[in-house]
Amino acid sequence: MPAGIAVFFCLAEILCRLFNLTNVLDADFKFFIRNVDNDLRAPYNQEDALLMWRMKPNYKEGFIQTNTMGLRDTDYALRKPPAAFRILCLGDSSTFGMNRLLSETYHAILEKRLNQDDAATPHRFEVINGGVTGYTSLQCLLFYEHIGARYAPDLVVCYVGVNDAKQAFHLSDKDILQTNMPVAVRVFTNRVLLKSSFYRVLRKLLLRATRRNIGGNGHKVPRVSREDFRANIVELQAACRKRGAALVLIRPPVHFRERRVRNEEQAEFVARYESYEDVLVETAAAHAIPLLAIPEMAREHEATNESLFDDSTHPSTTGHQLIAKRLRRFLTEKSLLPQRSKPQLPGKPFPTDR
């Protein structure tokens, strides 16, 4: 009997691959992402049962390149060198560096500047890019727990919130990810089941049968509720503390000029996002989490700061430079960086210092 079952599954797998059925039927996860966020369409992303999606390891095309862990960065040894001080940057496409070369992103600029100007310390600074396009606070939390923490960062910087407020589907991220499912099951799904064409076809058919692939009668919910947004931040702080890391939050710079809010739906999103900003500020204050706000990129300066943005949420090259500058100053003021062993000589100014 077991032999017969094994033969059946082997034949089913062969047929699914032979007729390329997954290309036609395996739209279950992509269906969710097309409705929740379109970032799975990016060729550098892949499905992940733990994170919903993540970047492919060792991907290279154009100016996008990932390392062996699937991060848009150079390879860092998982075992932290004794003299290294590591900063892990979590976030969405702004941290990922949408439309930017890796060298133009705020974390790359920060790493270079720290190692140039803080050469008097015995430490080597490593600033690791853990940003993934489309990520929410839930995905950042899970990314840190399953991937980021393996780098043993001393400091975690989280720049997230815009995607949490997006409202495009009837299931939240937590519902789609089914975070109550045991981690071992989801790891097994990643390592074994997702490689099976037969499994993916069966899963799609099951979703159709249970009608989970329909639009929920048009009722849309935020990807992450405000309550869960608050809880994710608190849980991320606890996860960092458990591993001996400090957490710093960045209040996401946004540029919602009136001319960009063209209809009622966009205006409603802006209002909803502002309520998430309030949650971020309140949670940081309540739990003593350092929160960096960048005055030059604040809403009240939208009339004059357009050059700092590519669009409503993504910083321009100059914007990334400014974020790096403000973040370095903030970390120094909060005494979150290793102390210098001797007085610091003035360093070269950032381009935005002028």
Protein backbone atom coordinates (compact mmCIF):
# COMPACT_ATOMS: atom_id res chain seq x y z
CA MET A 1 0.00 0.00 0.00
CA PRO A 2 2.70 2.60 0.91
CA ALA A 3 4.50 1.68 -2.32
CA GLY A 4 1.31 2.27 -4.31
CA ILE A 5 0.83 5.69 -2.69
CA ALA A 6 4.41 6.63 -3.46
CA VAL A 7 3.98 5.59 -7.10
CA PHE A 8 0.74 7.61 -7.35
CA PHE A 9 2.41 10.79 -6.03
CA CYS A 10 5.42 10.28 -8.29
CA LEU A 11 3.20 9.90 -11.36
CA ALA A 12 1.07 12.89 -10.33
CA GLU A 13 4.20 15.01 -9.90
CA ILE A 14 5.51 13.93 -13.31
CA LEU A 15 2.21 14.74 -15.00
CA CYS A 16 1.94 18.15 -13.35
CA ARG A 17 5.43 19.03 -14.51
CA LEU A 18 5.02 17.45 -17.95
CA PHE A 19 1.87 19.47 -18.69
CA ASN A 20 3.20 22.53 -16.87
CA LEU A 21 0.01 22.71 -14.79
CA THR A 22 1.47 24.97 -12.12
CA ASN A 23 1.88 27.78 -14.63
CA VAL A 24 -1.87 27.68 -15.23
CA LEU A 25 -3.32 26.65 -11.89
CA ASP A 26 -0.77 27.67 -9.29
CA ALA A 27 -2.05 31.20 -8.84
CA ASP A 28 -3.18 30.84 -5.24
CA PHE A 29 -0.35 32.69 -3.57
CA LYS A 30 0.10 35.04 -6.50
CA PHE A 31 -3.62 35.70 -6.32
CA PHE A 32 -3.23 36.89 -2.75
CA ILE A 33 -0.24 39.04 -3.61
CA ARG A 34 -1.86 40.56 -6.69
CA ASN A 35 -4.61 41.73 -4.37
CA VAL A 36 -2.52 42.53 -1.31
CA ASP A 37 0.61 43.87 -3.00
CA ASN A 38 2.11 43.35 -6.46
CA ASP A 39 5.70 42.84 -5.27
CA LEU A 40 5.72 39.10 -6.00
CA ARG A 41 5.70 40.09 -9.66
CA ALA A 42 9.23 41.40 -9.20
CA PRO A 43 11.57 38.73 -10.60
CA TYR A 44 13.80 38.87 -7.52
CA ASN A 45 11.01 37.79 -5.12
CA GLN A 46 9.73 34.31 -4.38
CA GLU A 47 7.00 32.74 -2.27
CA ASP A 48 7.87 31.94 1.33
CA ALA A 49 5.58 30.17 3.79
CA LEU A 50 7.16 31.97 6.76
CA LEU A 51 7.23 35.49 5.33
CA MET A 52 4.67 35.45 2.49
CA TRP A 53 7.50 36.38 0.15
CA ARG A 54 11.20 37.13 0.29
CA MET A 55 14.01 37.77 -2.17
CA LYS A 56 15.69 34.97 -4.03
CA PRO A 57 19.22 34.12 -2.90
CA ASN A 58 22.06 34.83 -5.34
CA TYR A 59 19.84 36.76 -7.74
CA LYS A 60 21.49 39.09 -10.21
CA GLU A 61 19.88 41.15 -12.95
CA GLY A 62 20.59 44.74 -13.84
CA PHE A 63 21.52 46.70 -10.73
CA ILE A 64 19.61 44.34 -8.39
CA GLN A 65 21.77 41.70 -6.76
CA THR A 66 21.15 39.57 -3.67
CA ASN A 67 23.54 37.66 -1.45
CA THR A 68 23.46 34.02 -0.37
CA MET A 69 20.81 34.80 2.26
CA GLY A 70 18.56 36.61 -0.20
CA LEU A 71 19.34 40.12 1.05
CA ARG A 72 20.00 43.04 -1.27
CA ASP A 73 23.51 43.50 0.03
CA THR A 74 27.00 42.08 -0.09
CA ASP A 75 27.66 38.85 1.80
CA TYR A 76 28.31 39.17 5.51
CA ALA A 77 29.46 36.17 7.52
CA LEU A 78 26.70 34.85 9.75
CA ARG A 79 29.25 34.57 12.53
CA LYS A 80 29.88 38.16 13.53
CA PRO A 81 33.58 39.09 13.69
CA PRO A 82 34.70 40.01 17.24
CA ALA A 83 35.43 43.64 16.31
CA ALA A 84 32.25 44.16 14.29
CA PHE A 85 29.33 46.36 15.36
CA ARG A 86 26.34 45.31 13.30
CA ILE A 87 23.28 47.34 12.40
CA LEU A 88 20.42 45.53 10.67
CA CYS A 89 18.00 47.74 8.73
CA LEU A 90 14.49 46.30 8.38
CA GLY A 91 11.82 47.79 6.18
CA ASP A 92 9.99 47.89 2.88
CA SER A 93 10.94 49.17 -0.58
CA SER A 94 12.35 52.41 0.85
CA THR A 95 14.94 50.44 2.84
CA PHE A 96 15.38 47.99 -0.05
CA GLY A 97 16.32 51.01 -2.17
CA MET A 98 13.64 51.20 -4.85
CA ASN A 99 15.02 52.92 -7.98
CA ARG A 100 18.43 53.30 -6.33
CA LEU A 101 21.81 51.64 -6.70
CA LEU A 102 22.86 49.77 -3.55
CA SER A 103 25.58 52.36 -2.95
CA GLU A 104 22.92 55.11 -2.95
CA THR A 105 20.80 53.63 -0.15
CA TYR A 106 20.84 55.13 3.33
CA HIS A 107 22.29 52.03 4.99
CA ALA A 108 25.18 51.78 2.52
CA ILE A 109 25.91 55.49 2.98
CA LEU A 110 25.68 55.09 6.77
CA GLU A 111 28.10 52.16 6.79
CA LYS A 112 30.65 54.04 4.68
CA ARG A 113 30.40 57.17 6.78
CA LEU A 114 30.67 55.33 10.10
CA ASN A 115 33.79 53.48 8.99
CA GLN A 116 35.37 56.66 7.63
CA ASP A 117 34.60 59.03 10.47
CA ASP A 118 34.64 56.62 13.39
CA ALA A 119 37.95 55.05 12.48
CA ALA A 120 39.16 55.85 16.00
CA THR A 121 36.96 53.08 17.42
CA PRO A 122 38.25 49.51 17.52
CA HIS A 123 35.05 48.44 15.77
CA ARG A 124 34.27 47.75 12.14
CA PHE A 125 30.74 48.86 11.34
CA GLU A 126 28.55 46.58 9.24
CA VAL A 127 25.16 47.97 8.21
CA ILE A 128 23.06 45.21 6.65
CA ASN A 129 20.14 45.82 4.31
CA GLY A 130 17.18 43.70 5.39
CA GLY A 131 14.63 45.68 3.39
CA VAL A 132 12.18 43.78 1.17
CA THR A 133 9.74 45.45 -1.22
CA GLY A 134 6.16 45.54 0.03
CA TYR A 135 6.91 44.47 3.61
CA THR A 136 4.71 45.30 6.60
CA SER A 137 5.57 45.34 10.30
CA LEU A 138 4.47 41.70 10.59
CA GLN A 139 6.83 40.62 7.82
CA CYS A 140 9.68 42.67 9.32
CA LEU A 141 9.10 40.99 12.69
CA LEU A 142 9.09 37.52 11.15
CA PHE A 143 12.07 38.36 8.93
CA TYR A 144 14.07 39.36 12.00
CA GLU A 145 13.11 36.23 13.91
CA HIS A 146 13.85 33.78 11.09
CA ILE A 147 16.64 35.46 9.13
CA GLY A 148 17.89 38.79 10.48
CA ALA A 149 18.67 37.55 13.99
CA ARG A 150 21.10 35.02 12.51
CA TYR A 151 23.45 37.92 11.81
CA ALA A 152 23.49 38.76 15.55
CA PRO A 153 23.01 42.52 15.04
CA ASP A 154 23.84 44.86 17.91
CA LEU A 155 21.26 47.35 16.69
CA VAL A 156 18.08 46.94 14.63
CA VAL A 157 16.61 49.90 12.71
CA CYS A 158 13.02 49.45 11.52
CA TYR A 159 11.57 51.78 8.85
CA VAL A 160 8.03 50.55 8.20
CA GLY A 161 4.36 51.51 8.29
CA VAL A 162 3.12 52.59 4.87
CA ASN A 163 2.20 49.10 3.66
CA ASP A 164 0.51 48.23 6.96
CA ALA A 165 -2.16 50.83 6.26
CA LYS A 166 -2.90 49.65 2.72
CA GLN A 167 -6.39 48.25 2.32
CA ALA A 168 -6.85 46.15 -0.81
CA PHE A 169 -8.03 42.66 0.17
CA HIS A 170 -10.45 40.86 2.48
CA LEU A 171 -7.69 39.00 4.33
CA SER A 172 -5.00 40.60 6.48
CA ASP A 173 -1.36 39.54 6.34
CA LYS A 174 -1.88 37.58 9.55
CA ASP A 175 -4.82 35.71 8.02
CA ILE A 176 -2.90 34.85 4.86
CA LEU A 177 0.24 33.78 6.69
CA GLN A 178 -1.75 31.83 9.30
CA THR A 179 0.87 32.70 11.91
CA ASN A 180 -0.77 30.31 14.39
CA MET A 181 0.47 27.41 12.24
CA PRO A 182 3.56 25.75 13.80
CA VAL A 183 6.84 27.09 12.45
CA ALA A 184 8.05 23.54 11.76
CA VAL A 185 5.13 23.02 9.37
CA ARG A 186 5.87 26.23 7.50
CA VAL A 187 9.58 25.42 7.31
CA PHE A 188 8.69 22.00 5.88
CA THR A 189 6.42 23.75 3.37
CA ASN A 190 9.31 25.96 2.26
CA ARG A 191 11.87 23.20 2.02
CA VAL A 192 9.75 20.40 0.56
CA LEU A 193 6.16 21.13 -0.44
CA LEU A 194 6.71 24.35 -2.41
CA LYS A 195 9.12 22.44 -4.64
CA SER A 196 6.32 20.03 -5.62
CA SER A 197 4.17 20.92 -8.61
CA PHE A 198 1.51 18.42 -7.52
CA TYR A 199 1.24 20.03 -4.10
CA ARG A 200 0.86 23.48 -5.62
CA VAL A 201 -1.90 22.28 -7.96
CA LEU A 202 -3.75 20.60 -5.09
CA ARG A 203 -3.44 23.73 -2.99
CA LYS A 204 -4.90 25.89 -5.72
CA LEU A 205 -7.83 23.52 -6.22
CA LEU A 206 -8.45 23.44 -2.46
CA LEU A 207 -8.54 27.23 -2.33
CA ARG A 208 -11.07 27.26 -5.14
CA ALA A 209 -13.18 24.63 -3.42
CA THR A 210 -13.21 26.56 -0.13
CA ARG A 211 -13.70 29.86 -2.00
CA ARG A 212 -10.74 31.47 -0.22
CA ASN A 213 -9.65 32.88 -3.57
CA ILE A 214 -12.61 35.23 -3.90
CA GLY A 215 -12.78 38.87 -2.98
CA GLY A 216 -14.60 38.65 0.33
CA ASN A 217 -17.77 40.34 -0.91
CA GLY A 218 -15.82 43.50 -1.57
CA HIS A 219 -15.01 44.14 2.11
CA LYS A 220 -11.38 45.18 2.35
CA VAL A 221 -9.24 45.31 5.48
CA PRO A 222 -5.83 46.86 6.16
CA ARG A 223 -2.90 44.54 5.62
CA VAL A 224 -2.12 45.03 9.31
CA SER A 225 -4.65 46.50 11.73
CA ARG A 226 -3.61 49.39 13.97
CA GLU A 227 -3.80 47.07 16.98
CA ASP A 228 -1.57 44.50 15.32
CA PHE A 229 0.79 47.24 14.10
CA ARG A 230 1.30 48.28 17.72
CA ALA A 231 1.69 44.66 18.83
CA ASN A 232 4.23 43.89 16.09
CA ILE A 233 6.43 46.82 17.15
CA VAL A 234 6.30 45.76 20.79
CA GLU A 235 7.03 42.15 19.87
CA LEU A 236 9.96 43.22 17.69
CA GLN A 237 11.41 45.17 20.61
CA ALA A 238 11.04 42.10 22.84
CA ALA A 239 12.67 39.87 20.19
CA CYS A 240 15.58 42.30 19.90
CA ARG A 241 16.07 42.55 23.67
CA LYS A 242 16.00 38.77 23.97
CA ARG A 243 18.98 38.62 21.62
CA GLY A 244 20.83 41.55 23.14
CA ALA A 245 20.03 44.08 20.39
CA ALA A 246 18.64 47.60 20.67
CA LEU A 247 15.72 48.71 18.49
CA VAL A 248 15.38 52.08 16.75
CA LEU A 249 12.34 53.14 14.72
CA ILE A 250 12.26 55.54 11.78
CA ARG A 251 9.07 57.49 11.21
CA PRO A 252 8.58 56.89 7.47
CA PRO A 253 8.98 60.09 5.45
CA VAL A 254 6.06 60.55 3.05
CA HIS A 255 5.23 63.15 0.44
CA PHE A 256 1.47 63.35 -0.06
CA ARG A 257 1.25 66.59 -1.98
CA GLU A 258 -2.32 67.70 -2.68
CA ARG A 259 -1.77 67.17 -6.39
CA ARG A 260 -0.96 63.51 -5.72
CA VAL A 261 -4.25 62.90 -3.90
CA ARG A 262 -6.42 62.71 -6.99
CA ASN A 263 -9.50 60.92 -5.69
CA GLU A 264 -11.47 60.00 -2.60
CA GLU A 265 -9.78 56.61 -2.21
CA GLN A 266 -6.32 58.18 -2.10
CA ALA A 267 -7.48 60.83 0.35
CA GLU A 268 -8.92 58.08 2.57
CA PHE A 269 -5.58 56.23 2.51
CA VAL A 270 -3.68 59.36 3.53
CA ALA A 271 -6.00 59.84 6.49
CA ARG A 272 -5.67 56.17 7.46
CA TYR A 273 -1.88 56.26 7.17
CA GLU A 274 -1.75 59.31 9.44
CA SER A 275 -3.53 57.25 12.10
CA TYR A 276 -0.78 54.61 11.79
CA GLU A 277 1.81 57.34 12.25
CA ASP A 278 0.03 58.23 15.49
CA VAL A 279 0.23 54.59 16.61
CA LEU A 280 3.95 54.51 15.82
CA VAL A 281 4.63 57.66 17.85
CA GLU A 282 2.46 56.53 20.78
CA THR A 283 3.98 53.04 20.88
CA ALA A 284 7.54 54.36 20.74
CA ALA A 285 6.82 56.72 23.63
CA ALA A 286 5.00 54.11 25.71
CA HIS A 287 7.77 51.51 25.36
CA ALA A 288 10.79 53.84 25.33
CA ILE A 289 11.79 52.94 21.79
CA PRO A 290 13.98 55.62 20.16
CA LEU A 291 12.06 57.11 17.23
CA LEU A 292 13.80 59.12 14.52
CA ALA A 293 11.73 61.73 12.70
CA ILE A 294 13.39 63.64 9.87
CA PRO A 295 12.18 67.24 9.97
CA GLU A 296 13.23 68.11 6.43
CA MET A 297 11.10 65.26 5.08
CA ALA A 298 8.07 65.96 7.27
CA ARG A 299 4.60 66.57 5.92
CA GLU A 300 4.62 70.26 6.82
CA HIS A 301 7.54 70.84 4.45
CA GLU A 302 5.99 69.15 1.40
CA ALA A 303 5.90 72.40 -0.53
CA THR A 304 9.69 72.59 -0.56
CA ASN A 305 11.06 69.05 -0.12
CA GLU A 306 9.95 67.39 -3.36
CA SER A 307 13.58 66.82 -4.41
CA LEU A 308 13.96 64.44 -1.46
CA PHE A 309 11.38 62.00 -2.90
CA ASP A 310 10.94 59.98 -6.08
CA ASP A 311 7.21 59.67 -5.37
CA SER A 312 4.92 59.70 -2.35
CA THR A 313 6.96 57.23 -0.26
CA HIS A 314 10.35 56.47 -1.83
CA PRO A 315 13.30 58.72 -1.03
CA SER A 316 15.43 60.09 -3.86
CA THR A 317 19.21 59.79 -3.81
CA THR A 318 19.35 63.06 -1.89
CA GLY A 319 16.64 61.74 0.45
CA HIS A 320 18.68 58.62 1.23
CA GLN A 321 21.71 60.79 1.94
CA LEU A 322 19.69 62.88 4.36
CA ILE A 323 18.24 59.82 6.12
CA ALA A 324 21.76 58.44 6.61
CA LYS A 325 22.97 61.76 7.96
CA ARG A 326 20.08 62.14 10.41
CA LEU A 327 20.27 58.48 11.48
CA ARG A 328 23.97 58.71 12.26
CA ARG A 329 23.45 61.87 14.30
CA PHE A 330 20.49 60.29 16.10
CA LEU A 331 22.42 57.12 17.01
CA THR A 332 25.30 59.23 18.31
CA GLU A 333 23.05 61.46 20.40
CA LYS A 334 21.28 58.44 21.88
CA SER A 335 24.65 56.79 22.68
CA LEU A 336 23.71 53.74 20.62
CA LEU A 337 27.09 53.51 18.87
CA PRO A 338 30.38 52.30 20.38
CA GLN A 339 32.32 55.11 22.02
CA ARG A 340 35.39 56.44 20.29
CA SER A 341 38.73 55.71 21.90
CA LYS A 342 40.09 59.19 21.16
CA PRO A 343 38.78 62.58 19.99
CA GLN A 344 37.20 62.58 16.55
CA LEU A 345 38.58 64.78 13.81
CA PRO A 346 36.01 66.49 11.59
CA GLY A 347 34.94 64.22 8.76
CA LYS A 348 33.94 65.01 5.23
CA PRO A 349 30.46 66.52 5.05
CA PHE A 350 27.52 64.71 3.54
CA PRO A 351 26.43 66.15 0.21
CA THR A 352 23.30 67.32 2.02
CA ASP A 353 25.34 69.16 4.65
CA ARG A 354 26.00 71.95 2.22
